[in-house]
Amino acid sequence: MVTVQQVLREKGSTVWSIGPDATVYEAVEMMAERTVGALPVIDWANNLVGIISERDYTRKIVLRDRSSRATKVREIMTPGVLHVSPTASIDECMMLISEHHIRHLPVVDGDRVVGMMSIGDVLKTIITEKQSLIEQLESYISGTA
């Protein structure tokens, strides 16, 4: 079974984050520059206090006709973030993503954010894992294993 740690080793574990007192505009700008769909919100003491996503922006800024330059991240972020440990399985990630209708999971080791798992990362890993299993079974059935 593939773990989060294995996926992070493959894809990299760079984490782009933002503080709760930054503006929403700064958060959206960073997401665009880094081509990510969400940012963990980390306070001055290096604690994960929330997550801000493109979905938060569209629902809480655009649809409510608020100013992204005048609104702080803390005002629209999702607090109480679901997260996984590096030892979690990809299946555990998929279960959390499916049950809670989320697209991003911070990876937390102790009290430190060490990576991010997106729904794309999880699906890519599951598809690769299943394809490998299919190839092994086909090889076994055809007697070439």
N, C-alpha and C. Protein backbone atom coordinates (compact mmCIF):
# COMPACT_ATOMS: atom_id res chain seq x y z
N MET A 1 0.84 -1.18 0.00
CA MET A 1 0.00 0.00 0.00
C MET A 1 0.89 1.25 0.00
N VAL A 2 0.58 2.20 -0.86
CA VAL A 2 1.36 3.42 -1.01
C VAL A 2 1.01 4.39 0.13
N THR A 3 2.05 5.02 0.68
CA THR A 3 1.84 6.00 1.75
C THR A 3 2.01 7.42 1.22
N VAL A 4 1.53 8.36 1.99
CA VAL A 4 1.68 9.77 1.66
C VAL A 4 3.15 10.13 1.52
N GLN A 5 3.96 9.60 2.42
CA GLN A 5 5.40 9.88 2.40
C GLN A 5 6.03 9.46 1.07
N GLN A 6 5.62 8.32 0.54
CA GLN A 6 6.14 7.85 -0.74
C GLN A 6 5.74 8.80 -1.87
N VAL A 7 4.52 9.28 -1.84
CA VAL A 7 4.05 10.20 -2.88
C VAL A 7 4.81 11.52 -2.78
N LEU A 8 5.01 12.02 -1.57
CA LEU A 8 5.74 13.28 -1.39
C LEU A 8 7.18 13.17 -1.87
N ARG A 9 7.79 12.00 -1.66
CA ARG A 9 9.16 11.80 -2.16
C ARG A 9 9.20 11.93 -3.67
N GLU A 10 8.17 11.42 -4.31
CA GLU A 10 8.08 11.44 -5.78
C GLU A 10 7.74 12.83 -6.32
N LYS A 11 6.74 13.47 -5.74
CA LYS A 11 6.27 14.75 -6.28
C LYS A 11 6.97 15.96 -5.68
N GLY A 12 7.60 15.77 -4.55
CA GLY A 12 8.23 16.89 -3.85
C GLY A 12 7.36 17.33 -2.69
N SER A 13 8.01 17.92 -1.71
CA SER A 13 7.25 18.29 -0.52
C SER A 13 7.29 19.79 -0.23
N THR A 14 7.55 20.58 -1.25
CA THR A 14 7.53 22.03 -1.05
C THR A 14 6.13 22.46 -0.65
N VAL A 15 6.05 23.24 0.41
CA VAL A 15 4.76 23.72 0.88
C VAL A 15 4.75 25.24 0.79
N TRP A 16 3.81 25.76 0.03
CA TRP A 16 3.60 27.20 -0.03
C TRP A 16 2.50 27.50 0.98
N SER A 17 2.73 28.47 1.84
CA SER A 17 1.73 28.80 2.86
C SER A 17 1.57 30.31 2.95
N ILE A 18 0.57 30.72 3.71
CA ILE A 18 0.30 32.14 3.90
C ILE A 18 -0.13 32.36 5.34
N GLY A 19 0.06 33.57 5.82
CA GLY A 19 -0.35 33.92 7.18
C GLY A 19 -1.80 34.38 7.23
N PRO A 20 -2.42 34.29 8.39
CA PRO A 20 -3.83 34.67 8.52
C PRO A 20 -4.09 36.17 8.34
N ASP A 21 -3.06 37.00 8.51
CA ASP A 21 -3.25 38.45 8.36
C ASP A 21 -2.95 38.97 6.96
N ALA A 22 -2.55 38.08 6.06
CA ALA A 22 -2.36 38.47 4.66
C ALA A 22 -3.73 38.75 4.06
N THR A 23 -3.74 39.49 2.96
CA THR A 23 -5.02 39.73 2.29
C THR A 23 -5.37 38.53 1.41
N VAL A 24 -6.64 38.41 1.13
CA VAL A 24 -7.10 37.34 0.24
C VAL A 24 -6.48 37.53 -1.14
N TYR A 25 -6.31 38.78 -1.55
CA TYR A 25 -5.67 39.06 -2.84
C TYR A 25 -4.27 38.44 -2.88
N GLU A 26 -3.50 38.63 -1.81
CA GLU A 26 -2.14 38.06 -1.74
C GLU A 26 -2.19 36.53 -1.82
N ALA A 27 -3.18 35.94 -1.18
CA ALA A 27 -3.32 34.48 -1.21
C ALA A 27 -3.63 33.99 -2.62
N VAL A 28 -4.58 34.65 -3.28
CA VAL A 28 -4.96 34.26 -4.64
C VAL A 28 -3.78 34.48 -5.60
N GLU A 29 -3.07 35.57 -5.41
CA GLU A 29 -1.90 35.84 -6.23
C GLU A 29 -0.84 34.75 -6.06
N MET A 30 -0.60 34.33 -4.82
CA MET A 30 0.37 33.27 -4.57
C MET A 30 -0.10 31.94 -5.18
N MET A 31 -1.40 31.64 -5.06
CA MET A 31 -1.91 30.40 -5.65
C MET A 31 -1.70 30.41 -7.16
N ALA A 32 -1.95 31.53 -7.78
CA ALA A 32 -1.77 31.65 -9.24
C ALA A 32 -0.30 31.50 -9.62
N GLU A 33 0.58 32.18 -8.90
CA GLU A 33 2.02 32.11 -9.20
C GLU A 33 2.57 30.70 -9.02
N ARG A 34 2.11 30.01 -8.02
CA ARG A 34 2.63 28.67 -7.68
C ARG A 34 1.81 27.55 -8.32
N THR A 35 0.78 27.90 -9.04
CA THR A 35 -0.15 26.95 -9.66
C THR A 35 -0.63 25.89 -8.67
N VAL A 36 -1.16 26.37 -7.56
CA VAL A 36 -1.77 25.50 -6.56
C VAL A 36 -3.19 25.97 -6.30
N GLY A 37 -4.04 25.09 -5.83
CA GLY A 37 -5.44 25.42 -5.59
C GLY A 37 -5.78 25.76 -4.17
N ALA A 38 -4.80 25.62 -3.26
CA ALA A 38 -5.05 25.92 -1.85
C ALA A 38 -3.73 26.18 -1.14
N LEU A 39 -3.81 26.93 -0.05
CA LEU A 39 -2.64 27.22 0.76
C LEU A 39 -2.96 26.95 2.23
N PRO A 40 -2.08 26.25 2.93
CA PRO A 40 -2.28 26.15 4.37
C PRO A 40 -2.04 27.53 4.99
N VAL A 41 -2.81 27.85 6.00
CA VAL A 41 -2.66 29.12 6.70
C VAL A 41 -1.90 28.82 7.98
N ILE A 42 -0.72 29.44 8.11
CA ILE A 42 0.17 29.16 9.22
C ILE A 42 0.40 30.45 9.99
N ASP A 43 0.19 30.41 11.31
CA ASP A 43 0.33 31.62 12.12
C ASP A 43 1.79 31.89 12.48
N TRP A 44 2.02 32.96 13.22
CA TRP A 44 3.36 33.41 13.59
C TRP A 44 4.13 32.37 14.41
N ALA A 45 3.40 31.47 15.10
CA ALA A 45 4.05 30.44 15.91
C ALA A 45 4.24 29.14 15.12
N ASN A 46 4.03 29.22 13.79
CA ASN A 46 4.18 28.07 12.89
C ASN A 46 3.12 26.98 13.10
N ASN A 47 1.93 27.38 13.55
CA ASN A 47 0.81 26.45 13.74
C ASN A 47 -0.12 26.50 12.54
N LEU A 48 -0.60 25.34 12.13
CA LEU A 48 -1.60 25.26 11.06
C LEU A 48 -2.93 25.72 11.65
N VAL A 49 -3.45 26.86 11.18
CA VAL A 49 -4.69 27.40 11.74
C VAL A 49 -5.86 27.36 10.75
N GLY A 50 -5.57 27.00 9.51
CA GLY A 50 -6.63 26.94 8.52
C GLY A 50 -6.09 26.63 7.15
N ILE A 51 -6.99 26.68 6.18
CA ILE A 51 -6.62 26.50 4.78
C ILE A 51 -7.48 27.44 3.96
N ILE A 52 -6.90 28.01 2.92
CA ILE A 52 -7.66 28.87 2.02
C ILE A 52 -7.53 28.29 0.62
N SER A 53 -8.66 28.20 -0.06
CA SER A 53 -8.67 27.59 -1.39
C SER A 53 -9.35 28.51 -2.40
N GLU A 54 -9.20 28.14 -3.65
CA GLU A 54 -9.89 28.87 -4.71
C GLU A 54 -11.40 28.83 -4.47
N ARG A 55 -11.87 27.72 -3.94
CA ARG A 55 -13.29 27.58 -3.63
C ARG A 55 -13.72 28.60 -2.57
N ASP A 56 -12.88 28.80 -1.53
CA ASP A 56 -13.18 29.82 -0.51
C ASP A 56 -13.29 31.20 -1.17
N TYR A 57 -12.35 31.48 -2.05
CA TYR A 57 -12.35 32.78 -2.73
C TYR A 57 -13.63 32.99 -3.53
N THR A 58 -13.99 32.01 -4.35
CA THR A 58 -15.17 32.22 -5.20
C THR A 58 -16.45 32.31 -4.38
N ARG A 59 -16.57 31.51 -3.34
CA ARG A 59 -17.81 31.50 -2.56
C ARG A 59 -17.90 32.62 -1.53
N LYS A 60 -16.77 33.03 -0.98
CA LYS A 60 -16.82 33.98 0.13
C LYS A 60 -16.37 35.39 -0.25
N ILE A 61 -15.81 35.56 -1.43
CA ILE A 61 -15.40 36.89 -1.90
C ILE A 61 -16.21 37.26 -3.13
N VAL A 62 -16.06 36.52 -4.19
CA VAL A 62 -16.72 36.85 -5.47
C VAL A 62 -18.23 36.86 -5.33
N LEU A 63 -18.81 35.79 -4.82
CA LEU A 63 -20.27 35.70 -4.74
C LEU A 63 -20.88 36.67 -3.72
N ARG A 64 -20.08 37.12 -2.78
CA ARG A 64 -20.60 38.06 -1.77
C ARG A 64 -20.16 39.50 -2.07
N ASP A 65 -19.56 39.68 -3.22
CA ASP A 65 -19.14 41.01 -3.68
C ASP A 65 -18.25 41.73 -2.66
N ARG A 66 -17.31 40.98 -2.09
CA ARG A 66 -16.37 41.55 -1.14
C ARG A 66 -15.06 41.88 -1.86
N SER A 67 -14.24 42.70 -1.24
CA SER A 67 -12.96 43.09 -1.81
C SER A 67 -11.86 42.14 -1.33
N SER A 68 -11.17 41.51 -2.27
CA SER A 68 -10.08 40.61 -1.90
C SER A 68 -8.88 41.38 -1.35
N ARG A 69 -8.76 42.64 -1.71
CA ARG A 69 -7.65 43.47 -1.21
C ARG A 69 -7.91 43.98 0.21
N ALA A 70 -9.15 44.02 0.61
CA ALA A 70 -9.49 44.53 1.95
C ALA A 70 -9.82 43.42 2.94
N THR A 71 -9.99 42.20 2.47
CA THR A 71 -10.37 41.09 3.34
C THR A 71 -9.14 40.29 3.71
N LYS A 72 -9.04 39.96 4.99
CA LYS A 72 -7.92 39.15 5.50
C LYS A 72 -8.23 37.67 5.29
N VAL A 73 -7.17 36.91 5.12
CA VAL A 73 -7.30 35.45 4.95
C VAL A 73 -8.08 34.84 6.10
N ARG A 74 -7.80 35.29 7.33
CA ARG A 74 -8.48 34.72 8.50
C ARG A 74 -10.00 34.84 8.43
N GLU A 75 -10.51 35.82 7.68
CA GLU A 75 -11.94 36.05 7.58
C GLU A 75 -12.66 35.01 6.72
N ILE A 76 -11.93 34.39 5.79
CA ILE A 76 -12.61 33.45 4.88
C ILE A 76 -12.01 32.05 4.89
N MET A 77 -10.88 31.85 5.57
CA MET A 77 -10.23 30.53 5.56
C MET A 77 -11.13 29.50 6.23
N THR A 78 -10.85 28.25 5.93
CA THR A 78 -11.54 27.15 6.60
C THR A 78 -10.68 26.75 7.79
N PRO A 79 -11.21 26.94 9.01
CA PRO A 79 -10.43 26.55 10.19
C PRO A 79 -10.61 25.06 10.48
N GLY A 80 -9.89 24.55 11.47
CA GLY A 80 -10.07 23.14 11.85
C GLY A 80 -9.78 22.21 10.69
N VAL A 81 -8.64 22.36 10.09
CA VAL A 81 -8.29 21.66 8.85
C VAL A 81 -8.10 20.16 9.07
N LEU A 82 -8.74 19.38 8.22
CA LEU A 82 -8.44 17.95 8.18
C LEU A 82 -7.05 17.79 7.60
N HIS A 83 -6.27 16.88 8.15
CA HIS A 83 -4.92 16.65 7.65
C HIS A 83 -4.56 15.19 7.84
N VAL A 84 -3.46 14.80 7.21
CA VAL A 84 -2.98 13.42 7.32
C VAL A 84 -1.52 13.44 7.75
N SER A 85 -1.07 12.30 8.24
CA SER A 85 0.34 12.16 8.59
C SER A 85 1.09 11.57 7.40
N PRO A 86 2.40 11.68 7.39
CA PRO A 86 3.17 11.09 6.28
C PRO A 86 2.99 9.57 6.17
N THR A 87 2.62 8.92 7.26
CA THR A 87 2.47 7.46 7.24
C THR A 87 1.07 7.01 6.79
N ALA A 88 0.17 7.96 6.57
CA ALA A 88 -1.18 7.61 6.12
C ALA A 88 -1.13 6.98 4.74
N SER A 89 -2.08 6.11 4.48
CA SER A 89 -2.16 5.48 3.16
C SER A 89 -2.93 6.38 2.20
N ILE A 90 -2.72 6.13 0.92
CA ILE A 90 -3.46 6.86 -0.11
C ILE A 90 -4.95 6.55 0.01
N ASP A 91 -5.28 5.33 0.40
CA ASP A 91 -6.69 4.97 0.60
C ASP A 91 -7.32 5.81 1.70
N GLU A 92 -6.57 6.08 2.78
CA GLU A 92 -7.07 6.94 3.86
C GLU A 92 -7.32 8.34 3.34
N CYS A 93 -6.41 8.84 2.51
CA CYS A 93 -6.58 10.18 1.92
C CYS A 93 -7.85 10.22 1.08
N MET A 94 -8.04 9.20 0.25
CA MET A 94 -9.21 9.17 -0.62
C MET A 94 -10.49 9.13 0.19
N MET A 95 -10.48 8.39 1.29
CA MET A 95 -11.65 8.31 2.14
C MET A 95 -11.99 9.69 2.73
N LEU A 96 -10.98 10.40 3.22
CA LEU A 96 -11.21 11.75 3.78
C LEU A 96 -11.70 12.72 2.72
N ILE A 97 -11.06 12.68 1.55
CA ILE A 97 -11.44 13.56 0.46
C ILE A 97 -12.89 13.30 0.02
N SER A 98 -13.25 12.03 -0.08
CA SER A 98 -14.60 11.67 -0.51
C SER A 98 -15.65 12.00 0.55
N GLU A 99 -15.38 11.64 1.79
CA GLU A 99 -16.36 11.86 2.86
C GLU A 99 -16.61 13.33 3.16
N HIS A 100 -15.58 14.15 3.04
CA HIS A 100 -15.69 15.56 3.43
C HIS A 100 -15.74 16.53 2.26
N HIS A 101 -15.76 15.98 1.04
CA HIS A 101 -15.87 16.81 -0.18
C HIS A 101 -14.81 17.91 -0.21
N ILE A 102 -13.56 17.50 0.00
CA ILE A 102 -12.45 18.45 -0.03
C ILE A 102 -11.50 18.08 -1.16
N ARG A 103 -10.61 18.98 -1.49
CA ARG A 103 -9.68 18.73 -2.60
C ARG A 103 -8.22 18.77 -2.19
N HIS A 104 -7.96 19.23 -0.95
CA HIS A 104 -6.57 19.37 -0.50
C HIS A 104 -6.43 18.93 0.95
N LEU A 105 -5.37 18.18 1.21
CA LEU A 105 -5.07 17.70 2.56
C LEU A 105 -3.64 18.08 2.93
N PRO A 106 -3.48 18.94 3.94
CA PRO A 106 -2.13 19.18 4.42
C PRO A 106 -1.57 17.89 5.05
N VAL A 107 -0.27 17.71 4.92
CA VAL A 107 0.42 16.58 5.54
C VAL A 107 1.16 17.16 6.74
N VAL A 108 0.82 16.66 7.92
CA VAL A 108 1.39 17.19 9.15
C VAL A 108 2.17 16.10 9.86
N ASP A 109 3.42 16.44 10.19
CA ASP A 109 4.29 15.54 10.95
C ASP A 109 4.58 16.22 12.27
N GLY A 110 4.02 15.69 13.35
CA GLY A 110 4.12 16.36 14.64
C GLY A 110 3.27 17.61 14.61
N ASP A 111 3.91 18.77 14.66
CA ASP A 111 3.17 20.03 14.57
C ASP A 111 3.61 20.85 13.36
N ARG A 112 4.25 20.20 12.41
CA ARG A 112 4.78 20.90 11.24
C ARG A 112 4.13 20.41 9.94
N VAL A 113 3.74 21.35 9.08
CA VAL A 113 3.20 20.99 7.76
C VAL A 113 4.39 20.63 6.88
N VAL A 114 4.39 19.39 6.38
CA VAL A 114 5.52 18.90 5.60
C VAL A 114 5.17 18.62 4.14
N GLY A 115 3.92 18.86 3.77
CA GLY A 115 3.51 18.63 2.39
C GLY A 115 2.04 18.88 2.20
N MET A 116 1.59 18.77 0.96
CA MET A 116 0.18 18.90 0.62
C MET A 116 -0.18 17.79 -0.35
N MET A 117 -1.32 17.18 -0.12
CA MET A 117 -1.86 16.17 -1.04
C MET A 117 -3.12 16.75 -1.67
N SER A 118 -3.17 16.73 -2.99
CA SER A 118 -4.38 17.18 -3.68
C SER A 118 -5.15 15.96 -4.14
N ILE A 119 -6.39 16.19 -4.52
CA ILE A 119 -7.18 15.09 -5.05
C ILE A 119 -6.52 14.52 -6.30
N GLY A 120 -5.85 15.38 -7.07
CA GLY A 120 -5.13 14.91 -8.26
C GLY A 120 -3.99 13.98 -7.91
N ASP A 121 -3.24 14.31 -6.85
CA ASP A 121 -2.15 13.45 -6.39
C ASP A 121 -2.68 12.08 -5.99
N VAL A 122 -3.78 12.10 -5.27
CA VAL A 122 -4.37 10.85 -4.77
C VAL A 122 -4.88 10.00 -5.93
N LEU A 123 -5.62 10.60 -6.85
CA LEU A 123 -6.15 9.85 -7.99
C LEU A 123 -5.04 9.31 -8.88
N LYS A 124 -4.03 10.11 -9.14
CA LYS A 124 -2.91 9.66 -9.97
C LYS A 124 -2.24 8.44 -9.34
N THR A 125 -2.04 8.48 -8.04
CA THR A 125 -1.40 7.37 -7.34
C THR A 125 -2.27 6.11 -7.39
N ILE A 126 -3.56 6.27 -7.16
CA ILE A 126 -4.47 5.11 -7.19
C ILE A 126 -4.51 4.50 -8.58
N ILE A 127 -4.59 5.34 -9.61
CA ILE A 127 -4.63 4.83 -10.99
C ILE A 127 -3.34 4.09 -11.33
N THR A 128 -2.20 4.65 -10.96
CA THR A 128 -0.91 4.00 -11.22
C THR A 128 -0.83 2.66 -10.49
N GLU A 129 -1.28 2.64 -9.25
CA GLU A 129 -1.25 1.42 -8.45
C GLU A 129 -2.15 0.34 -9.08
N LYS A 130 -3.33 0.72 -9.51
CA LYS A 130 -4.28 -0.23 -10.12
C LYS A 130 -3.75 -0.72 -11.47
N GLN A 131 -3.15 0.16 -12.26
CA GLN A 131 -2.60 -0.23 -13.55
C GLN A 131 -1.49 -1.25 -13.37
N SER A 132 -0.66 -1.04 -12.38
CA SER A 132 0.42 -1.99 -12.08
C SER A 132 -0.14 -3.36 -11.70
N LEU A 133 -1.18 -3.36 -10.89
CA LEU A 133 -1.82 -4.62 -10.48
C LEU A 133 -2.41 -5.33 -11.69
N ILE A 134 -3.06 -4.59 -12.58
CA ILE A 134 -3.65 -5.18 -13.79
C ILE A 134 -2.55 -5.82 -14.65
N GLU A 135 -1.44 -5.11 -14.82
CA GLU A 135 -0.33 -5.65 -15.62
C GLU A 135 0.23 -6.93 -14.99
N GLN A 136 0.35 -6.96 -13.68
CA GLN A 136 0.84 -8.15 -13.00
C GLN A 136 -0.11 -9.33 -13.18
N LEU A 137 -1.41 -9.06 -13.08
CA LEU A 137 -2.40 -10.12 -13.24
C LEU A 137 -2.43 -10.63 -14.68
N GLU A 138 -2.33 -9.70 -15.65
CA GLU A 138 -2.31 -10.12 -17.04
C GLU A 138 -1.07 -10.98 -17.33
N SER A 139 0.03 -10.61 -16.76
CA SER A 139 1.28 -11.37 -16.93
C SER A 139 1.14 -12.75 -16.29
N TYR A 140 0.54 -12.81 -15.13
CA TYR A 140 0.33 -14.09 -14.45
C TYR A 140 -0.59 -15.00 -15.26
N ILE A 141 -1.68 -14.42 -15.75
CA ILE A 141 -2.67 -15.21 -16.51
C ILE A 141 -2.06 -15.71 -17.82
N SER A 142 -1.27 -14.88 -18.46
CA SER A 142 -0.70 -15.30 -19.74
C SER A 142 0.53 -16.21 -19.56
N GLY A 143 0.98 -16.36 -18.32
CA GLY A 143 2.10 -17.25 -18.05
C GLY A 143 3.45 -16.65 -18.31
N THR A 144 3.52 -15.34 -18.47
CA THR A 144 4.82 -14.71 -18.72
C THR A 144 5.45 -14.15 -17.44
N ALA A 145 4.82 -14.42 -16.32
CA ALA A 145 5.34 -13.90 -15.05
C ALA A 145 6.45 -14.76 -14.49
